[in-house]
Amino acid sequence: MPNKKLKRHSVLPGFGLTIGFTVVYLSLIVLIPLAALFLRAAGMGWSDFWKTVSDPRALASFRVTFSMSLFAALTNAVIGFIVAWVLVRYTFPWRRFIDAMVDLPFALPTAVSGITLSILYANHGTHQGWIGQLLPFQVSQTTLGIYVALTFIGLPFVVRAVQPAIDDIERELEEVAASLGASRWQTFWKIIFPTLLPALLTGFTMAFARGIGEYGSVIFIAGNTPYLSEITPVLIYTRLAEYDFPGATAIAATMLIVSFALLFVINILQLWGTRKYRETR
């Protein structure tokens, strides 16, 4: 009896229905709002648009937002790597509890995170936080407070991105490198780091993107002083509260364009890291 090719069975509906649902959903949630934002900004005219985004207050907010997001993401790339390595490679008491605590910034509402950090790091007047009173400098109501808040909310992205990659590393490779006379530092740079680089860049990207758009956890600890500690999302909200809808739209569109450009560059770096890792295999 000739073998009949069995028809593949799928639990979900076929490709036509699922791709249609996907396109409609993404259009309603993502594409249409973004298109409306760009169309509204384009309707301002180039001179008005440039005047709005080149305003000294807007430029100051861009500088604070992107610099603090970058510094926080770089910090999380280092600290997140160490935390992920410890959680994967070592067994110690309360390891599962600490592993669960990494996701705490995901579970907490951003406003709760901001209020908590503001209270802990307060160091002005009669308000002395548990951590702030021990520091010789002020954190709350400064740009340093923005850095602390963005580091807090961005750490889980790096840890959760790097953990599976560390778990997939074959320890036999490290043993072979050691048997061939490689030092621990050489083993790390030649074997471990190239393997983890794509995952580390992914976590860095997500932490950086989250920091650019963060609002709730920053507004309470930053002080929101124009030209000093005012982030761009706060400035957009201020423009909306002043019924300056064109100004808010222009600033938001600029943030979106810059974010897309930075994400494109980082994705190129990810592809480079993946290709370099494959060449070493």
Protein backbone atom coordinates (compact mmCIF):
# COMPACT_ATOMS: atom_id res chain seq x y z
CA MET A 1 0.00 0.00 0.00
CA PRO A 2 1.56 3.34 -1.02
CA ASN A 3 2.50 5.68 1.75
CA LYS A 4 0.30 8.69 1.88
CA LYS A 5 1.80 11.97 2.93
CA LEU A 6 0.19 12.93 6.17
CA LYS A 7 -1.30 16.40 6.35
CA ARG A 8 0.18 18.49 9.10
CA HIS A 9 -2.34 19.33 11.78
CA SER A 10 -2.25 22.64 13.60
CA VAL A 11 -4.08 23.39 16.81
CA LEU A 12 -4.55 27.04 15.86
CA PRO A 13 -6.30 28.18 12.66
CA GLY A 14 -4.39 28.33 9.39
CA PHE A 15 -1.86 30.86 8.22
CA GLY A 16 -4.36 33.07 6.42
CA LEU A 17 -6.51 33.71 9.48
CA THR A 18 -3.64 34.09 11.95
CA ILE A 19 -1.63 36.46 9.74
CA GLY A 20 -4.75 38.52 9.15
CA PHE A 21 -5.41 38.79 12.87
CA THR A 22 -1.75 39.71 13.45
CA VAL A 23 -1.77 42.47 10.86
CA VAL A 24 -5.06 43.93 12.09
CA TYR A 25 -4.00 43.84 15.72
CA LEU A 26 -0.59 45.42 15.07
CA SER A 27 -2.19 48.05 12.85
CA LEU A 28 -4.70 49.10 15.52
CA ILE A 29 -2.24 49.02 18.43
CA VAL A 30 1.07 50.09 16.84
CA LEU A 31 1.04 51.20 13.21
CA ILE A 32 -1.98 53.53 13.14
CA PRO A 33 -1.00 55.45 16.33
CA LEU A 34 2.59 55.86 15.09
CA ALA A 35 1.40 56.96 11.66
CA ALA A 36 -0.98 59.48 13.26
CA LEU A 37 1.92 60.84 15.34
CA PHE A 38 4.12 61.36 12.28
CA LEU A 39 1.28 62.88 10.25
CA ARG A 40 0.45 65.33 13.01
CA ALA A 41 4.11 66.31 13.31
CA ALA A 42 4.45 66.64 9.52
CA GLY A 43 1.49 69.02 9.46
CA MET A 44 3.37 71.56 11.54
CA GLY A 45 5.77 72.58 8.82
CA TRP A 46 9.52 72.17 8.99
CA SER A 47 10.25 75.59 10.48
CA ASP A 48 7.77 75.17 13.37
CA PHE A 49 8.90 71.59 13.94
CA TRP A 50 12.57 72.59 14.12
CA LYS A 51 11.81 75.54 16.37
CA THR A 52 10.01 73.24 18.79
CA VAL A 53 12.59 70.45 18.98
CA SER A 54 15.58 72.82 19.05
CA ASP A 55 14.18 74.80 21.95
CA PRO A 56 16.79 74.93 24.76
CA ARG A 57 14.40 73.26 27.18
CA ALA A 58 13.70 70.43 24.75
CA LEU A 59 17.41 69.94 24.00
CA ALA A 60 18.16 69.81 27.73
CA SER A 61 15.50 67.15 28.23
CA PHE A 62 16.93 65.09 25.35
CA ARG A 63 20.38 65.30 26.87
CA VAL A 64 19.18 64.19 30.31
CA THR A 65 16.99 61.39 28.96
CA PHE A 66 19.45 59.76 26.59
CA SER A 67 22.56 60.23 28.75
CA MET A 68 20.96 58.82 31.90
CA SER A 69 19.39 55.95 29.95
CA LEU A 70 22.75 55.11 28.40
CA PHE A 71 24.64 55.22 31.70
CA ALA A 72 21.96 53.12 33.42
CA ALA A 73 21.94 50.55 30.60
CA LEU A 74 25.74 50.27 30.68
CA THR A 75 25.66 49.78 34.44
CA ASN A 76 22.98 47.13 34.12
CA ALA A 77 25.00 45.37 31.42
CA VAL A 78 27.84 44.88 33.92
CA ILE A 79 25.84 44.27 37.09
CA GLY A 80 23.20 42.21 35.28
CA PHE A 81 25.88 39.94 33.83
CA ILE A 82 27.36 39.33 37.29
CA VAL A 83 23.95 38.67 38.84
CA ALA A 84 22.97 36.27 36.06
CA TRP A 85 26.30 34.43 36.33
CA VAL A 86 25.93 33.97 40.10
CA LEU A 87 22.33 32.76 39.82
CA VAL A 88 23.19 30.21 37.13
CA ARG A 89 26.63 28.95 38.15
CA TYR A 90 26.39 28.83 41.96
CA THR A 91 24.14 27.14 44.48
CA PHE A 92 23.61 28.95 47.77
CA PRO A 93 20.85 29.50 50.34
CA TRP A 94 17.95 31.70 49.25
CA ARG A 95 19.03 31.50 45.61
CA ARG A 96 15.47 30.99 44.36
CA PHE A 97 14.25 33.90 46.48
CA ILE A 98 16.95 36.21 45.09
CA ASP A 99 16.17 34.99 41.58
CA ALA A 100 12.52 35.91 42.10
CA MET A 101 13.47 39.32 43.52
CA VAL A 102 15.14 40.19 40.22
CA ASP A 103 11.66 40.46 38.68
CA LEU A 104 10.44 42.86 41.37
CA PRO A 105 10.73 45.95 39.09
CA PHE A 106 8.45 44.14 36.62
CA ALA A 107 5.80 43.50 39.28
CA LEU A 108 5.87 46.90 41.00
CA PRO A 109 3.89 49.77 39.48
CA THR A 110 6.36 52.37 38.27
CA ALA A 111 4.85 55.02 40.53
CA VAL A 112 5.44 52.79 43.57
CA SER A 113 9.05 52.29 42.50
CA GLY A 114 9.55 56.04 42.13
CA ILE A 115 8.02 56.90 45.49
CA THR A 116 10.01 54.16 47.24
CA LEU A 117 13.32 55.25 45.73
CA SER A 118 12.56 58.89 46.49
CA ILE A 119 11.92 58.07 50.15
CA LEU A 120 14.99 55.84 50.49
CA TYR A 121 17.39 58.35 48.92
CA ALA A 122 15.92 61.54 50.38
CA ASN A 123 18.56 63.80 51.90
CA HIS A 124 17.22 67.31 52.17
CA GLY A 125 15.62 69.26 54.99
CA THR A 126 13.72 67.12 57.45
CA HIS A 127 13.38 64.26 54.98
CA GLN A 128 16.22 61.80 55.58
CA GLY A 129 15.95 58.44 53.86
CA TRP A 130 17.57 55.23 55.08
CA ILE A 131 20.16 55.36 52.31
CA GLY A 132 20.19 59.10 51.62
CA GLN A 133 21.24 60.03 55.15
CA LEU A 134 24.35 57.89 54.79
CA LEU A 135 25.51 59.58 51.58
CA PRO A 136 27.59 62.77 51.52
CA PHE A 137 25.75 63.96 48.41
CA GLN A 138 22.14 64.33 47.36
CA VAL A 139 20.49 61.76 45.09
CA SER A 140 16.80 62.54 45.27
CA GLN A 141 15.66 65.55 43.22
CA THR A 142 18.79 65.41 41.02
CA THR A 143 19.88 63.81 37.76
CA LEU A 144 21.62 61.15 39.85
CA GLY A 145 18.17 60.13 41.06
CA ILE A 146 17.15 59.57 37.42
CA TYR A 147 20.15 57.28 36.99
CA VAL A 148 19.20 55.30 40.11
CA ALA A 149 15.59 54.89 38.97
CA LEU A 150 16.53 53.80 35.45
CA THR A 151 19.09 51.34 36.80
CA PHE A 152 16.46 49.85 39.09
CA ILE A 153 13.85 49.28 36.40
CA GLY A 154 16.33 48.12 33.73
CA LEU A 155 18.25 45.43 35.62
CA PRO A 156 15.76 42.55 35.02
CA PHE A 157 16.00 42.98 31.24
CA VAL A 158 19.73 42.20 31.24
CA VAL A 159 19.55 39.40 33.81
CA ARG A 160 16.71 37.56 32.05
CA ALA A 161 18.36 37.96 28.65
CA VAL A 162 21.76 36.64 29.78
CA GLN A 163 20.64 33.83 32.09
CA PRO A 164 19.59 31.34 29.33
CA ALA A 165 22.78 32.05 27.39
CA ILE A 166 24.96 31.30 30.43
CA ASP A 167 23.00 28.13 31.08
CA ASP A 168 23.64 26.97 27.49
CA ILE A 169 27.42 27.34 27.71
CA GLU A 170 29.10 23.95 27.65
CA ARG A 171 31.39 23.73 30.65
CA GLU A 172 33.52 21.23 28.77
CA LEU A 173 34.79 24.13 26.66
CA GLU A 174 36.09 25.86 29.76
CA GLU A 175 37.72 22.65 30.96
CA VAL A 176 39.39 22.13 27.57
CA ALA A 177 40.67 25.71 27.60
CA ALA A 178 42.08 25.21 31.10
CA SER A 179 43.75 21.93 30.08
CA LEU A 180 45.42 23.74 27.17
CA GLY A 181 46.94 26.27 29.55
CA ALA A 182 44.49 29.16 29.15
CA SER A 183 44.07 31.39 32.18
CA ARG A 184 40.66 32.25 33.59
CA TRP A 185 40.87 35.69 32.02
CA GLN A 186 41.71 34.22 28.61
CA THR A 187 38.91 31.70 28.90
CA PHE A 188 36.46 34.46 29.70
CA TRP A 189 37.45 36.75 26.80
CA LYS A 190 38.01 34.05 24.18
CA ILE A 191 35.18 31.62 24.97
CA ILE A 192 32.59 32.93 27.41
CA PHE A 193 32.28 36.58 26.39
CA PRO A 194 31.87 35.99 22.61
CA THR A 195 29.18 33.44 23.38
CA LEU A 196 27.26 35.78 25.67
CA LEU A 197 27.75 38.96 23.63
CA PRO A 198 24.51 38.69 21.55
CA ALA A 199 22.41 38.07 24.67
CA LEU A 200 24.19 40.85 26.55
CA LEU A 201 23.54 43.30 23.72
CA THR A 202 19.89 42.25 23.67
CA GLY A 203 19.53 42.94 27.38
CA PHE A 204 21.37 46.25 27.01
CA THR A 205 19.02 47.24 24.17
CA MET A 206 15.88 46.46 26.15
CA ALA A 207 17.16 48.28 29.25
CA PHE A 208 18.14 51.32 27.19
CA ALA A 209 14.80 51.42 25.35
CA ARG A 210 12.90 51.09 28.62
CA GLY A 211 14.91 53.92 30.14
CA ILE A 212 14.17 56.29 27.24
CA GLY A 213 10.43 55.92 27.67
CA GLU A 214 10.29 55.61 31.46
CA TYR A 215 8.05 58.07 33.28
CA GLY A 216 6.46 56.81 36.50
CA SER A 217 9.56 55.75 38.43
CA VAL A 218 11.49 58.91 37.45
CA ILE A 219 9.00 61.69 38.04
CA PHE A 220 9.05 61.34 41.84
CA ILE A 221 12.82 61.19 42.33
CA ALA A 222 14.07 63.48 39.55
CA GLY A 223 12.80 66.83 40.80
CA ASN A 224 11.71 67.65 37.22
CA THR A 225 13.62 70.93 37.15
CA PRO A 226 13.66 72.39 33.62
CA TYR A 227 17.09 72.42 31.98
CA LEU A 228 18.51 70.27 34.80
CA SER A 229 16.54 67.13 35.77
CA GLU A 230 13.56 67.16 33.44
CA ILE A 231 13.27 64.10 31.21
CA THR A 232 11.59 64.23 27.80
CA PRO A 233 8.45 62.21 28.76
CA VAL A 234 7.80 64.76 31.53
CA LEU A 235 8.25 67.61 29.05
CA ILE A 236 5.78 65.97 26.66
CA TYR A 237 3.25 65.70 29.48
CA THR A 238 3.87 69.35 30.38
CA ARG A 239 3.22 70.43 26.79
CA LEU A 240 -0.02 68.44 26.77
CA ALA A 241 -1.09 69.99 30.08
CA GLU A 242 -0.49 73.40 28.50
CA TYR A 243 -2.64 72.36 25.49
CA ASP A 244 0.41 72.66 23.25
CA PHE A 245 -0.50 69.58 21.21
CA PRO A 246 1.75 70.42 18.22
CA GLY A 247 4.73 70.92 20.53
CA ALA A 248 4.10 67.64 22.36
CA THR A 249 3.70 65.83 19.03
CA ALA A 250 6.94 67.23 17.61
CA ILE A 251 8.97 66.24 20.68
CA ALA A 252 7.38 62.78 20.77
CA ALA A 253 8.10 62.24 17.06
CA THR A 254 11.73 63.25 17.59
CA MET A 255 12.07 60.80 20.44
CA LEU A 256 10.60 58.09 18.26
CA ILE A 257 12.96 58.79 15.36
CA VAL A 258 16.04 58.85 17.58
CA SER A 259 14.92 55.67 19.34
CA PHE A 260 14.47 53.87 16.02
CA ALA A 261 17.92 55.00 14.89
CA LEU A 262 19.59 53.84 18.09
CA LEU A 263 17.78 50.52 18.06
CA PHE A 264 18.85 50.00 14.44
CA VAL A 265 22.50 50.59 15.37
CA ILE A 266 22.27 48.24 18.33
CA ASN A 267 20.60 45.55 16.21
CA ILE A 268 23.52 45.82 13.78
CA LEU A 269 25.86 45.25 16.71
CA GLN A 270 23.81 42.22 17.73
CA LEU A 271 24.08 40.74 14.24
CA TRP A 272 27.81 41.40 14.28
CA GLY A 273 28.15 39.66 17.64
CA THR A 274 26.15 36.65 16.47
CA ARG A 275 28.18 36.33 13.26
CA LYS A 276 31.45 36.64 15.14
CA TYR A 277 30.35 33.94 17.57
CA ARG A 278 29.44 31.58 14.72
CA GLU A 279 32.84 32.13 13.13
CA THR A 280 34.55 31.05 16.33
CA ARG A 281 32.53 27.82 16.59
